[in-house]
Protein backbone atom coordinates (compact mmCIF):
# COMPACT_ATOMS: atom_id res chain seq x y z
CA UNK A 1 -98.54 128.90 -23.45
CA UNK A 2 -97.22 128.46 -19.90
CA UNK A 3 -98.43 125.42 -18.03
CA UNK A 4 -97.83 124.92 -14.27
CA UNK A 5 -97.87 121.37 -12.91
CA UNK A 6 -98.10 121.01 -9.10
CA UNK A 7 -96.92 117.91 -7.31
CA UNK A 8 -97.04 117.07 -3.63
CA UNK A 9 -94.25 114.85 -2.31
CA UNK A 10 -94.18 113.38 1.09
CA UNK A 11 -91.02 111.41 2.06
CA UNK A 12 -91.01 107.28 2.78
CA UNK A 13 -87.96 105.16 3.32
CA UNK A 14 -88.88 102.25 1.10
CA UNK A 15 -91.80 103.12 -1.16
CA UNK A 16 -93.89 105.89 -2.65
CA UNK A 17 -97.53 105.81 -1.56
CA UNK A 18 -100.17 106.85 -4.08
CA UNK A 19 -103.00 108.93 -2.68
CA UNK A 20 -105.30 109.08 -5.66
CA UNK A 21 -105.47 110.92 -8.96
CA UNK A 22 -105.96 114.58 -9.58
CA UNK A 23 -106.74 115.91 -13.07
CA UNK A 24 -104.04 118.26 -14.33
CA UNK A 25 -104.48 120.72 -17.17
CA UNK A 26 -102.80 120.10 -20.51
CA UNK A 27 -100.99 122.43 -22.87
CA UNK A 28 -102.12 123.24 -26.37
CA UNK A 29 -98.97 121.66 -27.74
CA UNK A 30 -99.60 118.19 -29.16
CA UNK A 31 -97.10 115.32 -29.24
CA UNK A 32 -97.94 112.78 -31.96
CA UNK A 33 -97.37 109.12 -31.23
CA UNK A 34 -95.26 107.76 -34.06
CA UNK A 35 -94.00 104.61 -32.29
CA UNK A 36 -95.69 101.77 -30.46
CA UNK A 37 -96.73 102.54 -26.86
CA UNK A 38 -95.82 100.69 -23.69
CA UNK A 39 -98.53 98.02 -23.55
CA UNK A 40 -98.41 97.82 -19.77
CA UNK A 41 -98.95 101.58 -19.46
CA UNK A 42 -101.90 101.51 -21.86
CA UNK A 43 -103.42 98.56 -19.99
CA UNK A 44 -103.09 100.28 -16.61
CA UNK A 45 -104.99 103.14 -14.99
CA UNK A 46 -108.36 101.48 -15.28
CA UNK A 47 -108.48 100.80 -19.02
CA UNK A 48 -111.89 99.09 -19.28
CA UNK A 49 -110.72 97.00 -22.25
CA UNK A 50 -107.82 95.40 -20.37
CA UNK A 51 -107.47 92.56 -19.79
CA UNK A 52 -111.03 91.85 -21.02
CA UNK A 53 -114.33 93.60 -21.28
CA UNK A 54 -117.64 92.04 -22.26
CA UNK A 55 -121.02 93.64 -22.83
CA UNK A 56 -124.21 92.40 -24.40
CA UNK A 57 -122.82 92.92 -27.89
CA UNK A 58 -119.38 91.51 -27.73
CA UNK A 59 -116.07 90.61 -26.16
CA UNK A 60 -113.07 92.96 -26.04
CA UNK A 61 -109.50 92.65 -24.86
CA UNK A 62 -106.07 94.32 -24.87
CA UNK A 63 -104.97 94.84 -28.45
CA UNK A 64 -108.41 95.69 -29.80
CA UNK A 65 -108.91 99.12 -31.34
CA UNK A 66 -111.02 100.26 -28.37
CA UNK A 67 -108.22 99.29 -25.93
CA UNK A 68 -105.74 101.38 -27.91
CA UNK A 69 -108.02 104.39 -28.48
CA UNK A 70 -108.88 104.58 -24.77
CA UNK A 71 -105.20 104.34 -23.75
CA UNK A 72 -104.13 106.95 -26.30
CA UNK A 73 -106.93 109.28 -25.28
CA UNK A 74 -105.80 109.01 -21.66
CA UNK A 75 -102.23 109.76 -22.73
CA UNK A 76 -103.40 112.90 -24.54
CA UNK A 77 -105.83 114.10 -21.86
CA UNK A 78 -103.89 113.14 -18.77
CA UNK A 79 -106.92 111.52 -17.17
CA UNK A 80 -109.27 108.60 -17.81
CA UNK A 81 -111.46 109.51 -20.80
CA UNK A 82 -115.23 109.10 -20.25
CA UNK A 83 -115.66 107.48 -23.67
CA UNK A 84 -118.07 104.70 -24.56
CA UNK A 85 -117.23 101.38 -22.89
CA UNK A 86 -118.35 99.09 -25.62
CA UNK A 87 -118.00 98.21 -29.30
CA UNK A 88 -116.31 100.79 -31.55
CA UNK A 89 -119.53 101.44 -33.53
CA UNK A 90 -121.07 102.96 -30.41
CA UNK A 91 -118.34 105.51 -29.64
CA UNK A 92 -119.38 108.27 -32.01
CA UNK A 93 -123.03 108.20 -31.01
CA UNK A 94 -122.19 108.25 -27.26
CA UNK A 95 -122.43 111.99 -26.66
CA UNK A 96 -122.53 111.64 -22.88
CA UNK A 97 -118.74 111.81 -22.87
CA UNK A 98 -118.99 115.62 -23.25
CA UNK A 99 -116.66 115.87 -26.25
CA UNK A 100 -117.57 117.78 -29.42
CA UNK A 101 -117.91 115.90 -32.70
CA UNK A 102 -117.62 116.69 -36.38
CA UNK A 103 -116.44 115.58 -39.80
CA UNK A 104 -113.27 117.70 -40.02
CA UNK A 105 -110.08 116.03 -38.81
CA UNK A 106 -108.17 117.62 -35.90
CA UNK A 107 -105.03 116.67 -34.02
CA UNK A 108 -105.76 114.19 -31.25
CA UNK A 109 -109.28 113.44 -32.48
CA UNK A 110 -110.70 109.91 -32.41
CA UNK A 111 -111.87 108.85 -35.88
CA UNK A 112 -114.82 106.45 -35.78
CA UNK A 113 -116.32 103.88 -38.15
CA UNK A 114 -119.52 101.93 -37.54
CA UNK A 115 -123.10 101.51 -38.58
CA UNK A 116 -124.51 98.63 -40.55
CA UNK A 117 -121.43 98.24 -42.72
CA UNK A 118 -119.72 96.10 -40.16
CA UNK A 119 -116.61 98.34 -40.27
CA UNK A 120 -116.47 98.88 -36.51
CA UNK A 121 -113.21 100.67 -35.69
CA UNK A 122 -111.68 103.62 -33.84
CA UNK A 123 -108.24 105.25 -34.34
CA UNK A 124 -106.47 108.48 -33.36
CA UNK A 125 -105.33 111.40 -35.57
CA UNK A 126 -101.62 112.04 -34.97
CA UNK A 127 -100.62 114.38 -37.81
CA UNK A 128 -102.29 116.48 -40.50
CA UNK A 129 -100.31 117.33 -43.62
CA UNK A 130 -101.97 119.00 -46.61
CA UNK A 131 -104.94 116.85 -47.54
CA UNK A 132 -103.78 113.82 -45.62
CA UNK A 133 -104.10 112.65 -42.02
CA UNK A 134 -101.79 110.29 -40.17
CA UNK A 135 -103.59 107.91 -37.79
CA UNK A 136 -102.42 105.42 -35.15
CA UNK A 137 -104.46 102.35 -34.27
CA UNK A 138 -104.51 98.79 -33.01
CA UNK A 139 -106.47 95.79 -34.09
CA UNK A 140 -106.48 92.04 -34.03
CA UNK A 141 -105.12 91.56 -37.56
CA UNK A 142 -102.28 94.10 -37.46
CA UNK A 143 -101.07 93.84 -33.86
CA UNK A 144 -100.92 96.14 -30.88
CA UNK A 145 -99.89 99.22 -32.88
CA UNK A 146 -100.19 100.31 -36.48
CA UNK A 147 -100.07 103.63 -38.36
CA UNK A 148 -101.21 104.75 -41.80
CA UNK A 149 -101.91 107.86 -43.86
CA UNK A 150 -105.44 108.55 -45.14
CA UNK A 151 -106.64 111.09 -47.69
CA UNK A 152 -109.07 113.60 -46.24
CA UNK A 153 -112.63 112.72 -47.12
CA UNK A 154 -111.68 109.23 -48.25
CA UNK A 155 -112.14 107.34 -45.04
CA UNK A 156 -113.91 104.32 -46.44
CA UNK A 157 -117.15 102.56 -45.71
CA UNK A 158 -118.79 103.15 -42.34
CA UNK A 159 -117.03 106.46 -41.51
CA UNK A 160 -119.00 108.25 -38.79
CA UNK A 161 -116.90 111.25 -37.82
CA UNK A 162 -114.35 112.59 -35.32
CA UNK A 163 -114.55 112.89 -31.53
CA UNK A 164 -112.57 116.02 -30.57
CA UNK A 165 -110.59 115.56 -27.34
CA UNK A 166 -109.38 119.18 -27.49
CA UNK A 167 -107.90 121.91 -29.60
CA UNK A 168 -104.25 121.16 -30.31
CA UNK A 169 -101.51 122.54 -32.44
CA UNK A 170 -98.15 121.13 -33.50
CA UNK A 171 -95.23 122.47 -31.47
CA UNK A 172 -91.93 123.39 -33.17
CA UNK A 173 -89.98 124.77 -30.18
CA UNK A 174 -88.86 122.71 -27.15
CA UNK A 175 -90.25 123.81 -23.79
CA UNK A 176 -88.45 126.39 -21.67
CA UNK A 177 -86.21 125.30 -18.81
CA UNK A 178 -88.44 124.11 -15.95
CA UNK A 179 -88.39 126.04 -12.69
CA UNK A 180 -88.56 123.85 -9.58
CA UNK A 181 -89.34 125.05 -6.05
CA UNK A 182 -89.97 123.41 -2.69
CA UNK A 183 -91.93 124.99 0.14
CA UNK A 184 -88.75 124.99 2.28
CA UNK A 185 -85.17 123.74 2.18
CA UNK A 186 -85.00 121.53 5.30
CA UNK A 187 -87.42 118.87 6.53
CA UNK A 188 -87.75 116.60 9.55
CA UNK A 189 -88.90 112.97 9.44
CA UNK A 190 -92.59 112.54 8.51
CA UNK A 191 -92.81 116.04 7.02
CA UNK A 192 -94.33 116.34 3.56
CA UNK A 193 -92.20 117.97 0.88
CA UNK A 194 -94.28 120.13 -1.44
CA UNK A 195 -92.73 120.65 -4.87
CA UNK A 196 -93.95 122.92 -7.66
CA UNK A 197 -92.59 122.96 -11.17
CA UNK A 198 -93.47 124.67 -14.43
CA UNK A 199 -92.10 125.25 -17.92
CA UNK A 200 -93.39 127.32 -20.80
CA UNK A 201 -94.59 125.27 -23.75
CA UNK A 202 -94.49 121.94 -21.91
CA UNK A 203 -97.05 119.24 -22.58
CA UNK A 204 -95.79 116.76 -19.99
CA UNK A 205 -93.18 116.38 -17.24
CA UNK A 206 -91.04 113.84 -15.45
CA UNK A 207 -89.78 114.51 -11.93
CA UNK A 208 -86.67 112.56 -10.72
CA UNK A 209 -85.57 112.40 -7.08
CA UNK A 210 -81.87 111.70 -6.37
CA UNK A 211 -79.87 110.67 -3.35
CA UNK A 212 -76.35 111.62 -4.35
CA UNK A 213 -76.08 110.61 -8.00
CA UNK A 214 -78.55 107.73 -7.67
CA UNK A 215 -82.13 108.21 -8.83
CA UNK A 216 -84.32 106.70 -6.10
CA UNK A 217 -87.73 107.64 -7.49
CA UNK A 218 -89.32 108.93 -10.66
CA UNK A 219 -92.74 110.46 -11.16
CA UNK A 220 -94.34 109.30 -13.35
CA UNK A 221 -92.59 105.88 -13.27
CA UNK A 222 -89.86 105.28 -15.84
CA UNK A 223 -91.21 104.54 -19.32
CA UNK A 224 -93.71 107.39 -19.51
CA UNK A 225 -93.33 111.15 -19.82
CA UNK A 226 -96.78 112.26 -18.72
CA UNK A 227 -96.98 113.75 -15.22
CA UNK A 228 -100.62 114.50 -14.73
CA UNK A 229 -101.40 112.94 -11.37
CA UNK A 230 -100.91 114.15 -7.84
CA UNK A 231 -98.40 111.83 -6.16
CA UNK A 232 -97.48 112.51 -2.53
CA UNK A 233 -94.81 110.36 -0.89
CA UNK A 234 -92.77 110.63 2.30
CA UNK A 235 -89.99 109.04 4.32
CA UNK A 236 -90.84 108.21 7.90
CA UNK A 237 -87.56 107.13 9.47
CA UNK A 238 -84.45 108.71 8.00
CA UNK A 239 -81.72 108.02 10.54
CA UNK A 240 -79.48 110.91 9.57
CA UNK A 241 -79.91 114.24 7.84
CA UNK A 242 -79.22 113.76 4.12
CA UNK A 243 -79.25 115.98 1.05
CA UNK A 244 -81.51 115.16 -1.91
CA UNK A 245 -82.09 116.82 -5.25
CA UNK A 246 -85.02 117.04 -7.63
CA UNK A 247 -84.63 117.39 -11.39
CA UNK A 248 -87.64 117.95 -13.65
CA UNK A 249 -87.67 117.25 -17.39
CA UNK A 250 -90.26 119.05 -19.51
CA UNK A 251 -91.46 117.59 -22.82
CA UNK A 252 -93.38 118.63 -25.91
CA UNK A 253 -93.50 117.50 -29.51
CA UNK A 254 -90.36 119.45 -30.40
CA UNK A 255 -88.13 118.03 -27.67
CA UNK A 256 -87.31 118.18 -23.99
CA UNK A 257 -85.58 120.49 -21.48
CA UNK A 258 -84.11 119.67 -18.08
CA UNK A 259 -84.25 121.88 -15.00
CA UNK A 260 -81.44 122.84 -12.69
CA UNK A 261 -81.23 120.68 -9.59
CA UNK A 262 -83.37 121.71 -6.63
CA UNK A 263 -81.70 120.61 -3.37
CA UNK A 264 -83.26 120.01 0.02
CA UNK A 265 -82.27 118.22 3.23
CA UNK A 266 -84.37 115.64 5.01
CA UNK A 267 -84.03 113.73 8.26
CA UNK A 268 -83.50 114.28 11.98
CA UNK A 269 -81.28 117.08 13.23
CA UNK A 270 -79.71 114.62 15.67
CA UNK A 271 -78.31 111.50 13.96
CA UNK A 272 -79.49 108.11 15.14
CA UNK A 273 -77.33 106.24 17.63
CA UNK A 274 -76.77 102.54 18.24
CA UNK A 275 -75.68 100.44 21.23
CA UNK A 276 -72.83 97.97 20.93
CA UNK A 277 -72.99 95.36 23.72
CA UNK A 278 -70.21 92.89 24.56
CA UNK A 279 -70.87 89.31 25.67
CA UNK A 280 -68.01 87.27 27.21
CA UNK A 281 -69.73 84.13 25.82
CA UNK A 282 -68.73 81.81 28.67
CA UNK A 283 -65.83 83.92 29.87
CA UNK A 284 -65.64 86.84 32.27
CA UNK A 285 -64.66 90.49 32.08
CA UNK A 286 -66.68 91.61 29.06
CA UNK A 287 -66.07 95.31 28.25
CA UNK A 288 -68.74 97.91 28.97
CA UNK A 289 -71.17 98.68 26.13
CA UNK A 290 -70.54 101.56 23.70
CA UNK A 291 -72.70 104.03 21.78
CA UNK A 292 -72.16 104.51 18.03
CA UNK A 293 -73.46 107.51 16.06
CA UNK A 294 -74.94 106.89 12.63
CA UNK A 295 -72.49 107.33 9.81
CA UNK A 296 -69.41 107.27 12.04
CA UNK A 297 -66.80 104.58 12.66
CA UNK A 298 -66.56 103.31 16.24
CA UNK A 299 -63.29 102.10 17.75
CA UNK A 300 -64.08 98.96 19.72
CA UNK A 301 -62.78 98.65 23.26
CA UNK A 302 -59.28 97.28 23.75
CA UNK A 303 -60.18 95.40 26.96
CA UNK A 304 -60.63 91.66 26.40
CA UNK A 305 -62.44 89.02 28.46
CA UNK A 306 -60.80 85.90 29.87
CA UNK A 307 -61.87 82.26 29.86
CA UNK A 308 -59.81 79.57 31.60
CA UNK A 309 -58.36 77.17 29.07
CA UNK A 310 -59.14 79.41 26.07
CA UNK A 311 -57.47 82.06 23.95
CA UNK A 312 -59.53 85.14 23.04
CA UNK A 313 -59.59 85.58 19.24
CA UNK A 314 -61.96 88.52 18.79
CA UNK A 315 -65.68 89.33 18.46
CA UNK A 316 -68.56 88.09 16.32
CA UNK A 317 -72.29 88.73 16.09
CA UNK A 318 -72.79 84.95 16.41
CA UNK A 319 -72.33 83.15 19.71
CA UNK A 320 -71.18 80.00 17.88
CA UNK A 321 -68.61 81.63 15.60
CA UNK A 322 -65.15 80.06 15.42
CA UNK A 323 -63.52 82.96 13.58
CA UNK A 324 -63.94 86.61 14.60
CA UNK A 325 -65.44 89.41 12.53
CA UNK A 326 -64.17 92.21 14.74
CA UNK A 327 -61.13 92.66 16.95
CA UNK A 328 -60.33 94.43 20.21
CA UNK A 329 -59.43 98.02 19.35
CA UNK A 330 -60.66 97.53 15.78
CA UNK A 331 -63.26 99.46 13.76
CA UNK A 332 -67.03 98.96 13.73
CA UNK A 333 -68.97 100.87 11.05
CA UNK A 334 -72.34 99.09 10.76
CA UNK A 335 -75.28 101.40 11.44
CA UNK A 336 -77.22 99.06 13.71
CA UNK A 337 -77.46 97.89 17.30
CA UNK A 338 -75.22 94.87 17.86
CA UNK A 339 -74.35 92.27 20.45
CA UNK A 340 -70.76 91.11 20.01
CA UNK A 341 -69.86 87.66 21.35
CA UNK A 342 -66.35 86.66 22.34
CA UNK A 343 -64.81 84.07 20.02
CA UNK A 344 -62.72 81.53 21.94
CA UNK A 345 -60.08 79.01 20.96
CA UNK A 346 -59.52 76.07 23.31
CA UNK A 347 -55.74 76.10 24.05
CA UNK A 348 -54.04 72.85 25.15
CA UNK A 349 -50.43 71.86 25.83
CA UNK A 350 -48.62 68.52 25.77
CA UNK A 351 -46.50 67.34 28.68
CA UNK A 352 -44.09 64.62 27.50
CA UNK A 353 -41.80 62.45 29.65
CA UNK A 354 -38.24 61.32 28.96
CA UNK A 355 -36.76 58.49 31.17
CA UNK A 356 -33.33 60.05 30.59
CA UNK A 357 -31.48 56.70 30.61
CA UNK A 358 -34.14 54.75 32.46
CA UNK A 359 -37.20 52.76 31.40
CA UNK A 360 -40.92 52.79 32.10
CA UNK A 361 -41.61 56.40 31.02
CA UNK A 362 -45.23 57.64 31.61
CA UNK A 363 -47.49 58.41 28.66
CA UNK A 364 -47.78 62.06 27.50
CA UNK A 365 -50.45 64.21 29.16
CA UNK A 366 -52.63 67.07 27.85
CA UNK A 367 -52.92 70.27 29.85
CA UNK A 368 -55.62 72.91 29.29
CA UNK A 369 -54.59 76.54 29.36
CA UNK A 370 -54.59 78.04 32.88
CA UNK A 371 -55.62 74.71 34.39
CA UNK A 372 -53.51 72.78 36.93
CA UNK A 373 -52.28 69.42 35.66
CA UNK A 374 -51.56 66.54 38.05
CA UNK A 375 -48.44 64.84 36.76
CA UNK A 376 -48.42 61.10 36.26
CA UNK A 377 -47.65 59.01 39.38
CA UNK A 378 -45.80 56.45 37.24
CA UNK A 379 -42.07 56.48 38.00
CA UNK A 380 -39.37 55.24 35.61
CA UNK A 381 -36.60 52.88 36.82
CA UNK A 382 -32.87 52.69 36.23
CA UNK A 383 -30.46 50.12 37.58
CA UNK A 384 -28.16 51.61 40.17
CA UNK A 385 -30.04 54.87 40.38
CA UNK A 386 -32.76 56.33 42.49
CA UNK A 387 -35.49 58.38 40.76
CA UNK A 388 -35.72 61.84 42.34
CA UNK A 389 -38.34 63.53 40.12
CA UNK A 390 -38.60 65.54 36.89
CA UNK A 391 -36.85 68.54 35.39
CA UNK A 392 -36.96 70.45 32.10
CA UNK A 393 -33.18 69.84 31.77
CA UNK A 394 -31.68 66.47 30.95
CA UNK A 395 -28.59 67.27 33.09
CA UNK A 396 -30.40 68.45 36.18
CA UNK A 397 -29.38 66.96 39.52
CA UNK A 398 -32.33 68.30 41.46
CA UNK A 399 -35.95 67.98 40.31
CA UNK A 400 -38.44 70.76 39.59
CA UNK A 401 -41.48 68.48 39.55
CA UNK A 402 -42.44 65.25 41.24
CA UNK A 403 -44.49 62.19 40.30
CA UNK A 404 -48.12 62.98 41.18
CA UNK A 405 -47.29 66.67 41.69
CA UNK A 406 -48.74 69.76 40.02
CA UNK A 407 -47.74 71.41 36.74
CA UNK A 408 -48.93 74.99 36.04
CA UNK A 409 -47.05 76.36 33.03
CA UNK A 410 -48.98 77.16 29.80
CA UNK A 411 -46.48 75.60 27.44
CA UNK A 412 -45.58 72.37 25.76
CA UNK A 413 -42.78 70.70 27.71
CA UNK A 414 -40.60 67.58 27.92
CA UNK A 415 -39.82 66.49 31.49
CA UNK A 416 -36.59 64.56 32.01
CA UNK A 417 -36.11 62.04 34.84
CA UNK A 418 -33.63 63.19 37.48
CA UNK A 419 -31.46 60.35 38.77
CA UNK A 420 -29.18 59.85 41.76
CA UNK A 421 -26.70 56.97 41.91
CA UNK A 422 -27.81 54.42 44.50
CA UNK A 423 -25.63 54.35 47.69
CA UNK A 424 -25.20 51.58 50.29
CA UNK A 425 -24.11 51.36 53.99
CA UNK A 426 -21.82 48.63 55.32
CA UNK A 427 -22.72 47.93 58.95
CA UNK A 428 -20.37 45.96 61.27
CA UNK A 429 -21.82 43.74 63.97
CA UNK A 430 -19.38 42.36 66.69
CA UNK A 431 -21.76 39.41 67.04
CA UNK A 432 -21.33 39.04 70.83
CA UNK A 433 -17.98 40.81 70.91
CA UNK A 434 -16.99 44.45 71.29
CA UNK A 435 -15.12 47.11 69.34
CA UNK A 436 -16.96 46.80 66.02
CA UNK A 437 -15.72 49.33 63.39
CA UNK A 438 -17.83 52.35 62.41
CA UNK A 439 -20.25 52.02 59.49
CA UNK A 440 -18.90 52.61 55.97
CA UNK A 441 -20.65 54.04 52.86
CA UNK A 442 -20.47 52.41 49.41
CA UNK A 443 -21.90 53.63 46.10
CA UNK A 444 -23.17 51.60 43.16
CA UNK A 445 -20.37 50.21 41.03
CA UNK A 446 -17.48 51.14 43.33
CA UNK A 447 -15.44 49.06 45.80
CA UNK A 448 -14.31 49.97 49.33
CA UNK A 449 -11.61 48.69 51.73
CA UNK A 450 -13.16 47.19 54.80
CA UNK A 451 -12.13 48.69 58.09
CA UNK A 452 -8.90 47.09 59.52
CA UNK A 453 -10.29 47.40 63.03
CA UNK A 454 -11.10 43.99 64.50
CA UNK A 455 -13.54 43.37 67.37
CA UNK A 456 -12.61 41.26 70.44
CA UNK A 457 -14.36 38.63 72.53
CA UNK A 458 -13.08 36.82 75.52
CA UNK A 459 -12.32 33.18 74.81
CA UNK A 460 -12.68 33.68 71.01
CA UNK A 461 -10.40 34.28 68.09
CA UNK A 462 -11.73 36.75 65.41
CA UNK A 463 -11.76 34.99 62.07
CA UNK A 464 -13.29 37.71 59.81
CA UNK A 465 -16.58 39.18 58.66
CA UNK A 466 -19.55 37.31 57.19
CA UNK A 467 -22.73 38.74 55.55
CA UNK A 468 -25.07 36.57 57.67
CA UNK A 469 -25.25 34.78 61.00
CA UNK A 470 -24.84 31.57 59.12
CA UNK A 471 -21.38 31.91 57.59
CA UNK A 472 -21.44 32.13 53.81
CA UNK A 473 -19.23 34.79 52.22
CA UNK A 474 -16.17 35.75 54.25
CA UNK A 475 -14.63 39.23 54.22
CA UNK A 476 -11.28 40.08 55.80
CA UNK A 477 -10.53 43.32 57.60
CA UNK A 478 -8.65 45.87 55.47
CA UNK A 479 -9.47 44.03 52.29
């Protein structure tokens, strides 16, 4: 028997949106449940006995036989069964559910006990072999799932009969390979993707949607194999055209078969673009903004800003960063708008002083990058020498810098004092006479011969030279 299951898919970036249930047909093939079910699945989909249900006659909850029978019936039918919502002894007599009833066991039938015997119970027929039936059930004493074989006709006290959910037969051949189609091969954002699939001999399906080799969605959700609801979903804001594939697995009691991949593309024909903005972050000369296309790598601009007293380290998305994330001329691959802030390092230099044989050297000074430093006005001293200024060489005879002057270089430096030996002038004063010798020069630490020329004065005899008007130290000419 060939069964076609139709599913509508509409495409959403982060979640699948459920739009309500739609009853799907079921195949004649029957899959017996021979292991415990997923409790969460059985409790979902509106199971009236989960988590609790109370009527005038009693109190019911997940794990009771009615909870299990309702969940198993839904699993078989593919939709919520309209069975009795009350104690098990009322199920068989509730003919408003539209299902046929009888005393002969059939696959998938609900076997009922009740009446005045107090044996109120429901279970499900999973297999029939010879004169025996295999049932699955749940009850308070034996846990959420239990199975046992019963002899036909020997069902015990209170047996009422069977509720027939349908006509089923055991399947011995796995389903044929599913065929999967989409209404077209390429979709734009917000378009609904309509998918149809079918497989001969299938009783249930699972549809898996892949991006690359990663499964991003399954219908029904993982843990079940029944695909009997209509489940549209869609993506609203794909930023680039991407290729997806759908794989459908078909199931029946004899096994499963997987389809070939059905590929389709989804997203805008023009990839999204992003703006990269540069912020000098206190400096000047930020580069012009750039546009980055989704999925590509952008080469950042090589131009760098400037900031007096600072070194440019690179770029960061934080204005307070001290280490850069990106660099001028480097790569940027993030698919997002970004504002990149310049990361600065405050650069300083030390100006040290060396008296170069003198004393009283100034203290070191700190200079900021690109700033003008006013050198110390303190001058060192040295006996017998005159201080001329400062030089970067200890042997300099002419200065490059002066006390209180400006220093511009961006570099650590030691400035050496530049010295000149002190020189003196010997002046001659005739002291009322005439013919005094010319002045003579004398340097520190050296001696000179005084001029032999002697002045004259009428009525006086020249006695020599003295260093004051009041004679003290006497100097002789030519000595």
